[in-house]
N, C-alpha and C. Protein backbone atom coordinates (compact mmCIF):
# COMPACT_ATOMS: atom_id res chain seq x y z
N PRO A 1 153.70 74.96 33.86
CA PRO A 1 153.70 74.16 35.08
C PRO A 1 155.07 73.58 35.36
N VAL A 2 155.35 73.42 36.61
CA VAL A 2 156.62 72.85 37.04
C VAL A 2 156.33 71.60 37.86
N CYS A 3 157.07 70.52 37.62
CA CYS A 3 156.87 69.29 38.38
C CYS A 3 157.35 69.51 39.80
N PRO A 4 156.46 69.36 40.77
CA PRO A 4 156.89 69.53 42.16
C PRO A 4 157.80 68.39 42.58
N ASP A 5 158.69 68.67 43.50
CA ASP A 5 159.58 67.65 44.03
C ASP A 5 158.89 66.78 45.07
N ASN A 6 157.81 67.26 45.61
CA ASN A 6 157.10 66.51 46.64
C ASN A 6 156.42 65.29 46.02
N MET A 7 156.93 64.11 46.31
CA MET A 7 156.38 62.87 45.74
C MET A 7 154.93 62.66 46.14
N LEU A 8 154.52 63.16 47.32
CA LEU A 8 153.16 62.96 47.79
C LEU A 8 152.15 63.69 46.91
N SER A 9 152.57 64.74 46.21
CA SER A 9 151.63 65.51 45.41
C SER A 9 150.98 64.68 44.32
N GLY A 10 151.60 63.60 43.91
CA GLY A 10 151.01 62.73 42.90
C GLY A 10 149.84 61.92 43.41
N PHE A 11 149.68 61.85 44.73
CA PHE A 11 148.63 61.04 45.31
C PHE A 11 147.52 61.88 45.92
N VAL A 12 147.69 63.18 46.00
CA VAL A 12 146.71 64.05 46.64
C VAL A 12 145.78 64.63 45.60
N GLY A 13 144.50 64.65 45.89
CA GLY A 13 143.53 65.28 45.00
C GLY A 13 143.20 64.42 43.80
N THR A 14 142.42 64.97 42.91
CA THR A 14 142.04 64.25 41.71
C THR A 14 142.90 64.72 40.55
N HIS A 15 143.17 63.84 39.64
CA HIS A 15 143.98 64.20 38.48
C HIS A 15 143.12 64.96 37.48
N THR A 16 143.64 66.09 37.01
CA THR A 16 142.92 66.88 36.04
C THR A 16 143.21 66.39 34.62
N PHE A 17 144.10 65.42 34.49
CA PHE A 17 144.41 64.86 33.18
C PHE A 17 144.80 63.40 33.36
N THR A 18 144.88 62.69 32.24
CA THR A 18 145.33 61.31 32.27
C THR A 18 146.31 61.09 31.14
N ILE A 19 147.19 60.11 31.33
CA ILE A 19 148.06 59.67 30.25
C ILE A 19 147.31 58.54 29.56
N GLU A 20 146.90 58.77 28.32
CA GLU A 20 146.18 57.74 27.57
C GLU A 20 147.11 56.65 27.09
N SER A 21 148.31 57.03 26.63
CA SER A 21 149.25 56.03 26.14
C SER A 21 150.65 56.61 26.04
N ILE A 22 151.61 55.70 26.08
CA ILE A 22 153.00 56.00 25.79
C ILE A 22 153.44 54.93 24.81
N VAL A 23 153.65 55.32 23.56
CA VAL A 23 153.99 54.34 22.52
C VAL A 23 155.21 54.80 21.74
N PRO A 24 156.05 53.89 21.29
CA PRO A 24 156.07 52.49 21.71
C PRO A 24 156.69 52.37 23.10
N ASN A 25 156.39 51.32 23.76
CA ASN A 25 156.96 51.06 25.08
C ASN A 25 157.06 49.55 25.23
N PRO A 26 158.24 48.96 25.05
CA PRO A 26 159.57 49.55 25.03
C PRO A 26 159.83 50.39 23.78
N ALA A 27 160.71 51.38 23.95
CA ALA A 27 161.02 52.33 22.89
C ALA A 27 162.47 52.21 22.47
N ARG A 28 162.75 52.75 21.29
CA ARG A 28 164.13 52.81 20.80
C ARG A 28 164.61 54.24 20.73
N ASP A 29 164.00 55.04 19.86
CA ASP A 29 164.49 56.38 19.60
C ASP A 29 163.53 57.50 20.01
N GLU A 30 162.24 57.20 20.00
CA GLU A 30 161.24 58.22 20.27
C GLU A 30 160.02 57.60 20.91
N ILE A 31 159.38 58.36 21.80
CA ILE A 31 158.08 57.95 22.33
C ILE A 31 157.08 59.07 22.07
N VAL A 32 155.83 58.69 21.96
CA VAL A 32 154.75 59.66 21.85
C VAL A 32 153.85 59.47 23.06
N VAL A 33 153.71 60.53 23.83
CA VAL A 33 152.89 60.52 25.03
C VAL A 33 151.57 61.19 24.69
N ARG A 34 150.48 60.45 24.83
CA ARG A 34 149.15 61.01 24.58
C ARG A 34 148.51 61.34 25.92
N VAL A 35 148.17 62.63 26.07
CA VAL A 35 147.61 63.15 27.31
C VAL A 35 146.22 63.69 27.03
N ARG A 36 145.28 63.39 27.94
CA ARG A 36 143.92 63.90 27.78
C ARG A 36 143.57 64.76 28.98
N GLY A 37 143.04 65.95 28.70
CA GLY A 37 142.55 66.81 29.76
C GLY A 37 143.56 67.73 30.38
N SER A 38 144.72 67.95 29.74
CA SER A 38 145.74 68.81 30.34
C SER A 38 145.38 70.28 30.21
N GLY A 39 144.67 70.67 29.17
CA GLY A 39 144.17 72.03 29.02
C GLY A 39 145.23 73.09 28.82
N TYR A 40 146.03 73.37 29.84
CA TYR A 40 146.97 74.49 29.79
C TYR A 40 148.41 74.08 29.55
N GLY A 41 148.65 72.82 29.34
CA GLY A 41 150.00 72.36 29.09
C GLY A 41 150.54 71.54 30.24
N VAL A 42 151.63 70.87 29.96
CA VAL A 42 152.24 69.98 30.95
C VAL A 42 153.76 70.08 30.89
N SER A 43 154.38 69.65 31.97
CA SER A 43 155.83 69.46 32.03
C SER A 43 156.07 67.96 32.07
N LEU A 44 157.09 67.51 31.37
CA LEU A 44 157.46 66.10 31.38
C LEU A 44 158.90 65.97 31.84
N VAL A 45 159.13 65.08 32.78
CA VAL A 45 160.47 64.82 33.28
C VAL A 45 160.67 63.31 33.30
N MET A 46 161.73 62.84 32.66
CA MET A 46 162.09 61.43 32.66
C MET A 46 163.20 61.23 33.68
N TYR A 47 162.98 60.24 34.59
CA TYR A 47 163.95 59.93 35.63
C TYR A 47 164.53 58.54 35.41
N ASP A 48 165.82 58.38 35.73
CA ASP A 48 166.40 57.04 35.71
C ASP A 48 166.03 56.35 37.03
N VAL A 49 166.44 55.10 37.19
CA VAL A 49 166.05 54.34 38.37
C VAL A 49 166.68 54.87 39.66
N LEU A 50 167.70 55.71 39.54
CA LEU A 50 168.32 56.32 40.72
C LEU A 50 167.67 57.65 41.09
N GLY A 51 166.68 58.08 40.29
CA GLY A 51 165.98 59.32 40.58
C GLY A 51 166.58 60.56 39.98
N HIS A 52 167.53 60.40 39.06
CA HIS A 52 168.15 61.55 38.39
C HIS A 52 167.30 61.94 37.18
N ALA A 53 167.01 63.21 37.03
CA ALA A 53 166.28 63.70 35.87
C ALA A 53 167.21 63.62 34.66
N VAL A 54 166.79 62.90 33.61
CA VAL A 54 167.64 62.72 32.43
C VAL A 54 167.06 63.38 31.19
N LEU A 55 165.80 63.82 31.26
CA LEU A 55 165.15 64.46 30.13
C LEU A 55 164.02 65.32 30.66
N THR A 56 163.96 66.58 30.22
CA THR A 56 162.94 67.50 30.69
C THR A 56 162.41 68.31 29.52
N THR A 57 161.09 68.50 29.47
CA THR A 57 160.49 69.35 28.45
C THR A 57 159.17 69.89 28.96
N GLN A 58 158.75 71.00 28.38
CA GLN A 58 157.43 71.56 28.67
C GLN A 58 156.69 71.70 27.36
N GLN A 59 155.39 71.44 27.41
CA GLN A 59 154.56 71.52 26.21
C GLN A 59 153.31 72.33 26.53
N SER A 60 152.92 73.18 25.58
CA SER A 60 151.64 73.87 25.72
C SER A 60 150.54 72.85 25.47
N ALA A 61 149.32 73.28 25.58
CA ALA A 61 148.18 72.37 25.43
C ALA A 61 148.30 71.55 24.15
N SER A 62 148.49 70.26 24.32
CA SER A 62 148.65 69.35 23.19
C SER A 62 148.25 67.96 23.64
N ASN A 63 147.66 67.20 22.75
CA ASN A 63 147.25 65.84 23.11
C ASN A 63 148.34 64.82 22.87
N ALA A 64 149.25 65.08 21.92
CA ALA A 64 150.32 64.14 21.59
C ALA A 64 151.67 64.86 21.69
N ILE A 65 152.55 64.32 22.53
CA ILE A 65 153.85 64.93 22.77
C ILE A 65 154.93 63.93 22.40
N SER A 66 155.80 64.31 21.47
CA SER A 66 156.91 63.44 21.05
C SER A 66 158.14 63.75 21.87
N LEU A 67 158.81 62.69 22.33
CA LEU A 67 160.06 62.85 23.07
C LEU A 67 161.16 62.02 22.42
N ASP A 68 162.30 62.65 22.17
CA ASP A 68 163.46 61.96 21.63
C ASP A 68 164.19 61.27 22.78
N VAL A 69 164.19 59.95 22.78
CA VAL A 69 164.85 59.18 23.84
C VAL A 69 166.07 58.44 23.29
N SER A 70 166.54 58.84 22.11
CA SER A 70 167.64 58.13 21.44
C SER A 70 168.96 58.23 22.21
N ARG A 71 169.12 59.23 23.04
CA ARG A 71 170.38 59.41 23.79
C ARG A 71 170.37 58.70 25.13
N LEU A 72 169.25 58.12 25.50
CA LEU A 72 169.17 57.42 26.78
C LEU A 72 169.68 55.99 26.64
N ALA A 73 170.34 55.51 27.67
CA ALA A 73 170.83 54.13 27.68
C ALA A 73 169.66 53.17 27.86
N GLU A 74 169.85 51.93 27.47
CA GLU A 74 168.83 50.91 27.69
C GLU A 74 168.51 50.82 29.17
N GLY A 75 167.25 50.55 29.47
CA GLY A 75 166.87 50.37 30.86
C GLY A 75 165.48 50.91 31.14
N SER A 76 165.14 50.92 32.42
CA SER A 76 163.84 51.41 32.88
C SER A 76 163.95 52.85 33.33
N TYR A 77 162.92 53.62 33.02
CA TYR A 77 162.84 55.02 33.40
C TYR A 77 161.42 55.29 33.90
N TYR A 78 161.26 56.42 34.56
CA TYR A 78 159.94 56.84 35.01
C TYR A 78 159.65 58.21 34.44
N LEU A 79 158.53 58.33 33.76
CA LEU A 79 158.12 59.58 33.16
C LEU A 79 157.10 60.23 34.07
N ARG A 80 157.41 61.43 34.56
CA ARG A 80 156.49 62.19 35.40
C ARG A 80 155.90 63.30 34.54
N VAL A 81 154.58 63.31 34.42
CA VAL A 81 153.87 64.32 33.66
C VAL A 81 153.09 65.17 34.65
N CYS A 82 153.33 66.49 34.61
CA CYS A 82 152.75 67.40 35.60
C CYS A 82 151.93 68.49 34.92
N SER A 83 150.78 68.77 35.50
CA SER A 83 150.02 69.95 35.12
C SER A 83 150.12 70.92 36.29
N ALA A 84 149.37 71.99 36.26
CA ALA A 84 149.43 72.97 37.34
C ALA A 84 148.96 72.39 38.66
N SER A 85 148.12 71.34 38.63
CA SER A 85 147.55 70.86 39.89
C SER A 85 147.72 69.37 40.15
N SER A 86 148.32 68.62 39.24
CA SER A 86 148.44 67.19 39.48
C SER A 86 149.66 66.60 38.79
N VAL A 87 150.00 65.38 39.22
CA VAL A 87 151.17 64.68 38.72
C VAL A 87 150.77 63.23 38.44
N VAL A 88 151.21 62.70 37.28
CA VAL A 88 150.99 61.30 36.94
C VAL A 88 152.33 60.73 36.47
N SER A 89 152.68 59.55 36.94
CA SER A 89 153.93 58.90 36.55
C SER A 89 153.66 57.55 35.89
N ARG A 90 154.50 57.21 34.92
CA ARG A 90 154.42 55.92 34.24
C ARG A 90 155.83 55.42 33.97
N ARG A 91 155.96 54.12 33.90
CA ARG A 91 157.25 53.48 33.60
C ARG A 91 157.44 53.41 32.09
N VAL A 92 158.66 53.69 31.64
CA VAL A 92 159.03 53.62 30.23
C VAL A 92 160.30 52.78 30.15
N VAL A 93 160.34 51.86 29.19
CA VAL A 93 161.52 51.01 29.00
C VAL A 93 162.17 51.39 27.67
N ILE A 94 163.50 51.56 27.71
CA ILE A 94 164.28 51.80 26.50
C ILE A 94 165.03 50.50 26.19
N ALA A 95 164.79 49.98 24.99
CA ALA A 95 165.44 48.73 24.55
C ALA A 95 165.91 48.92 23.13
N ARG A 96 167.14 48.54 22.86
CA ARG A 96 167.69 48.70 21.50
C ARG A 96 167.88 47.36 20.85
């Protein structure tokens, strides 16, 4: 799956998956994203507050996805998790 650029796609239709948790949040070096119902895998893109993609990964069907955030500067970010048919976003804070 590829995260669509259309911001409206996150609000259309029903979500085929949910983000159960992002821990720890605030984070230092790593976060674990727990996703339920993704089935075929997801794409994850972390954006800074200016909307620049700073971290991108794709995962096959998995409930727990680890992301190395040690290279990101302190601050607020938005994690967009996409499946083939839906998009869910959550705020992530990096604090050292």
